[in-house]
Amino acid sequence: MATIPDKIERDRIELLKLMGHPLRVKILEQLEQGVKCVSDLEEFFETSQPNISQHLSLLRRAGLIDYFMDGRLRCYYLVDPAVPDILGIIRRQYRRKLEPPPCCPVTKTGKYPGERRR
């Protein structure tokens, strides 16, 4: 049986996998701005209504979004509070890279010579 930290880690990994698709990120960005129906989303993206609906279904099953019915329209909105935070990180522009460590973290001696292997 999985422990609570294992479940949380799996949930985070699944969240990142879901947000790894460009269209799903764009959908979440639109929903971050407010409630949208599928027809609203069709106006923003050059893809079919069935394709958008499939992505909305995945996001809903994962608990990131939900919807309410307004007549015959399904109106989608965000429910997971982590989504705006993650979208903010994705949009952030970093001006520089992290500084390299001054020495080997294991031996605590010397500096890294030359270029690092990648």
C-alpha atoms as a PDB file:
ATOM      1  CA  MET A   1       0.000   0.000   0.000  1.00  0.00           C
ATOM      2  CA  ALA A   2       1.304   3.449  -0.975  1.00  0.00           C
ATOM      3  CA  THR A   3       2.080   5.972   1.716  1.00  0.00           C
ATOM      4  CA  ILE A   4       0.665   9.507   1.698  1.00  0.00           C
ATOM      5  CA  PRO A   5       3.968  11.066   0.464  1.00  0.00           C
ATOM      6  CA  ASP A   6       4.069   8.492  -2.378  1.00  0.00           C
ATOM      7  CA  LYS A   7       0.531   9.443  -3.434  1.00  0.00           C
ATOM      8  CA  ILE A   8       1.340  13.157  -3.294  1.00  0.00           C
ATOM      9  CA  GLU A   9       4.448  12.594  -5.419  1.00  0.00           C
ATOM     10  CA  ARG A  10       2.467  10.552  -7.971  1.00  0.00           C
ATOM     11  CA  ASP A  11      -0.227  13.260  -8.078  1.00  0.00           C
ATOM     12  CA  ARG A  12       2.405  15.955  -8.732  1.00  0.00           C
ATOM     13  CA  ILE A  13       3.997  13.881 -11.480  1.00  0.00           C
ATOM     14  CA  GLU A  14       0.599  13.286 -13.094  1.00  0.00           C
ATOM     15  CA  LEU A  15      -0.166  17.019 -12.875  1.00  0.00           C
ATOM     16  CA  LEU A  16       3.080  17.832 -14.700  1.00  0.00           C
ATOM     17  CA  LYS A  17       2.402  15.150 -17.327  1.00  0.00           C
ATOM     18  CA  LEU A  18      -1.046  16.623 -17.982  1.00  0.00           C
ATOM     19  CA  MET A  19       0.384  20.096 -18.278  1.00  0.00           C
ATOM     20  CA  GLY A  20       3.039  18.819 -20.685  1.00  0.00           C
ATOM     21  CA  HIS A  21       0.751  19.210 -23.700  1.00  0.00           C
ATOM     22  CA  PRO A  22       0.793  22.643 -25.381  1.00  0.00           C
ATOM     23  CA  LEU A  23      -2.966  22.771 -26.013  1.00  0.00           C
ATOM     24  CA  ARG A  24      -3.783  21.834 -22.412  1.00  0.00           C
ATOM     25  CA  VAL A  25      -1.478  24.607 -21.176  1.00  0.00           C
ATOM     26  CA  LYS A  26      -3.262  27.075 -23.468  1.00  0.00           C
ATOM     27  CA  ILE A  27      -6.669  25.863 -22.256  1.00  0.00           C
ATOM     28  CA  LEU A  28      -5.598  26.276 -18.625  1.00  0.00           C
ATOM     29  CA  GLU A  29      -4.275  29.767 -19.402  1.00  0.00           C
ATOM     30  CA  GLN A  30      -7.651  30.717 -20.857  1.00  0.00           C
ATOM     31  CA  LEU A  31      -9.480  29.277 -17.844  1.00  0.00           C
ATOM     32  CA  GLU A  32      -7.121  31.174 -15.553  1.00  0.00           C
ATOM     33  CA  GLN A  33      -8.687  34.337 -17.009  1.00  0.00           C
ATOM     34  CA  GLY A  34     -12.218  33.140 -16.226  1.00  0.00           C
ATOM     35  CA  VAL A  35     -14.994  30.732 -17.114  1.00  0.00           C
ATOM     36  CA  LYS A  36     -15.028  29.544 -20.726  1.00  0.00           C
ATOM     37  CA  CYS A  37     -17.325  27.337 -22.787  1.00  0.00           C
ATOM     38  CA  VAL A  38     -16.027  24.997 -25.491  1.00  0.00           C
ATOM     39  CA  SER A  39     -17.241  27.428 -28.154  1.00  0.00           C
ATOM     40  CA  ASP A  40     -15.205  30.202 -26.485  1.00  0.00           C
ATOM     41  CA  LEU A  41     -12.109  27.995 -26.556  1.00  0.00           C
ATOM     42  CA  GLU A  42     -12.694  27.123 -30.228  1.00  0.00           C
ATOM     43  CA  GLU A  43     -12.292  30.829 -31.038  1.00  0.00           C
ATOM     44  CA  PHE A  44      -8.834  30.892 -29.408  1.00  0.00           C
ATOM     45  CA  PHE A  45      -7.387  27.720 -30.908  1.00  0.00           C
ATOM     46  CA  GLU A  46      -7.067  26.350 -34.411  1.00  0.00           C
ATOM     47  CA  THR A  47      -8.362  22.904 -33.574  1.00  0.00           C
ATOM     48  CA  SER A  48     -11.643  21.038 -33.612  1.00  0.00           C
ATOM     49  CA  GLN A  49     -14.304  21.087 -30.938  1.00  0.00           C
ATOM     50  CA  PRO A  50     -13.919  17.304 -30.343  1.00  0.00           C
ATOM     51  CA  ASN A  51     -10.165  17.755 -29.782  1.00  0.00           C
ATOM     52  CA  ILE A  52     -10.752  20.560 -27.269  1.00  0.00           C
ATOM     53  CA  SER A  53     -13.414  18.470 -25.530  1.00  0.00           C
ATOM     54  CA  GLN A  54     -11.016  15.521 -25.202  1.00  0.00           C
ATOM     55  CA  HIS A  55      -8.436  17.731 -23.512  1.00  0.00           C
ATOM     56  CA  LEU A  56     -11.086  19.268 -21.242  1.00  0.00           C
ATOM     57  CA  SER A  57     -12.203  15.773 -20.272  1.00  0.00           C
ATOM     58  CA  LEU A  58      -8.647  14.762 -19.302  1.00  0.00           C
ATOM     59  CA  LEU A  59      -8.182  17.938 -17.256  1.00  0.00           C
ATOM     60  CA  ARG A  60     -11.525  17.387 -15.523  1.00  0.00           C
ATOM     61  CA  ARG A  61     -10.819  13.727 -14.682  1.00  0.00           C
ATOM     62  CA  ALA A  62      -7.535  14.852 -13.138  1.00  0.00           C
ATOM     63  CA  GLY A  63      -9.391  17.355 -10.941  1.00  0.00           C
ATOM     64  CA  LEU A  64      -7.774  20.461 -12.420  1.00  0.00           C
ATOM     65  CA  ILE A  65     -11.006  21.892 -13.832  1.00  0.00           C
ATOM     66  CA  ASP A  66     -14.750  21.400 -13.542  1.00  0.00           C
ATOM     67  CA  TYR A  67     -17.844  22.723 -15.286  1.00  0.00           C
ATOM     68  CA  PHE A  68     -21.413  23.820 -14.701  1.00  0.00           C
ATOM     69  CA  MET A  69     -24.293  23.702 -17.150  1.00  0.00           C
ATOM     70  CA  ASP A  70     -25.777  26.934 -18.432  1.00  0.00           C
ATOM     71  CA  GLY A  71     -28.653  25.745 -20.570  1.00  0.00           C
ATOM     72  CA  ARG A  72     -26.968  23.459 -23.072  1.00  0.00           C
ATOM     73  CA  LEU A  73     -23.520  24.971 -22.604  1.00  0.00           C
ATOM     74  CA  ARG A  74     -20.813  23.469 -20.413  1.00  0.00           C
ATOM     75  CA  CYS A  75     -18.921  26.303 -18.777  1.00  0.00           C
ATOM     76  CA  TYR A  76     -15.452  25.271 -17.565  1.00  0.00           C
ATOM     77  CA  TYR A  77     -13.407  26.783 -14.747  1.00  0.00           C
ATOM     78  CA  LEU A  78     -10.239  26.040 -12.743  1.00  0.00           C
ATOM     79  CA  VAL A  79     -10.479  24.221  -9.419  1.00  0.00           C
ATOM     80  CA  ASP A  80      -6.900  23.203  -8.584  1.00  0.00           C
ATOM     81  CA  PRO A  81      -5.097  26.104  -6.865  1.00  0.00           C
ATOM     82  CA  ALA A  82      -1.693  24.816  -8.046  1.00  0.00           C
ATOM     83  CA  VAL A  83      -2.510  25.499 -11.705  1.00  0.00           C
ATOM     84  CA  PRO A  84      -2.113  29.323 -11.638  1.00  0.00           C
ATOM     85  CA  ASP A  85       1.165  28.926  -9.712  1.00  0.00           C
ATOM     86  CA  ILE A  86       2.551  26.457 -12.269  1.00  0.00           C
ATOM     87  CA  LEU A  87       1.402  28.617 -15.182  1.00  0.00           C
ATOM     88  CA  GLY A  88       3.152  31.594 -13.581  1.00  0.00           C
ATOM     89  CA  ILE A  89       6.400  29.644 -13.366  1.00  0.00           C
ATOM     90  CA  ILE A  90       6.087  28.547 -17.000  1.00  0.00           C
ATOM     91  CA  ARG A  91       5.630  32.168 -18.105  1.00  0.00           C
ATOM     92  CA  ARG A  92       8.445  33.542 -15.960  1.00  0.00           C
ATOM     93  CA  GLN A  93      11.502  34.779 -17.855  1.00  0.00           C
ATOM     94  CA  TYR A  94      14.844  34.058 -16.217  1.00  0.00           C
ATOM     95  CA  ARG A  95      17.711  36.403 -17.031  1.00  0.00           C
ATOM     96  CA  ARG A  96      20.613  34.168 -16.015  1.00  0.00           C
ATOM     97  CA  LYS A  97      21.563  30.594 -15.209  1.00  0.00           C
ATOM     98  CA  LEU A  98      22.325  29.289 -11.736  1.00  0.00           C
ATOM     99  CA  GLU A  99      25.914  29.638 -10.588  1.00  0.00           C
ATOM    100  CA  PRO A 100      28.002  26.444 -10.727  1.00  0.00           C
ATOM    101  CA  PRO A 101      29.212  24.995  -7.424  1.00  0.00           C
ATOM    102  CA  PRO A 102      32.722  26.075  -6.399  1.00  0.00           C
ATOM    103  CA  CYS A 103      33.939  22.539  -5.752  1.00  0.00           C
ATOM    104  CA  CYS A 104      33.002  18.899  -5.856  1.00  0.00           C
ATOM    105  CA  PRO A 105      30.119  18.337  -3.402  1.00  0.00           C
ATOM    106  CA  VAL A 106      31.485  14.886  -2.486  1.00  0.00           C
ATOM    107  CA  THR A 107      35.207  15.424  -2.017  1.00  0.00           C
ATOM    108  CA  LYS A 108      34.929  19.148  -1.192  1.00  0.00           C
ATOM    109  CA  THR A 109      38.126  19.771  -3.109  1.00  0.00           C
ATOM    110  CA  GLY A 110      39.132  21.587  -6.238  1.00  0.00           C
ATOM    111  CA  LYS A 111      37.186  23.384  -8.857  1.00  0.00           C
ATOM    112  CA  TYR A 112      35.487  21.876 -11.851  1.00  0.00           C
ATOM    113  CA  PRO A 113      38.030  21.935 -14.660  1.00  0.00           C
ATOM    114  CA  GLY A 114      37.035  23.400 -18.021  1.00  0.00           C
ATOM    115  CA  GLU A 115      33.655  22.700 -19.531  1.00  0.00           C
ATOM    116  CA  ARG A 116      31.169  20.340 -17.935  1.00  0.00           C
ATOM    117  CA  ARG A 117      29.960  17.314 -19.840  1.00  0.00           C
ATOM    118  CA  ARG A 118      26.299  17.474 -20.792  1.00  0.00           C
END
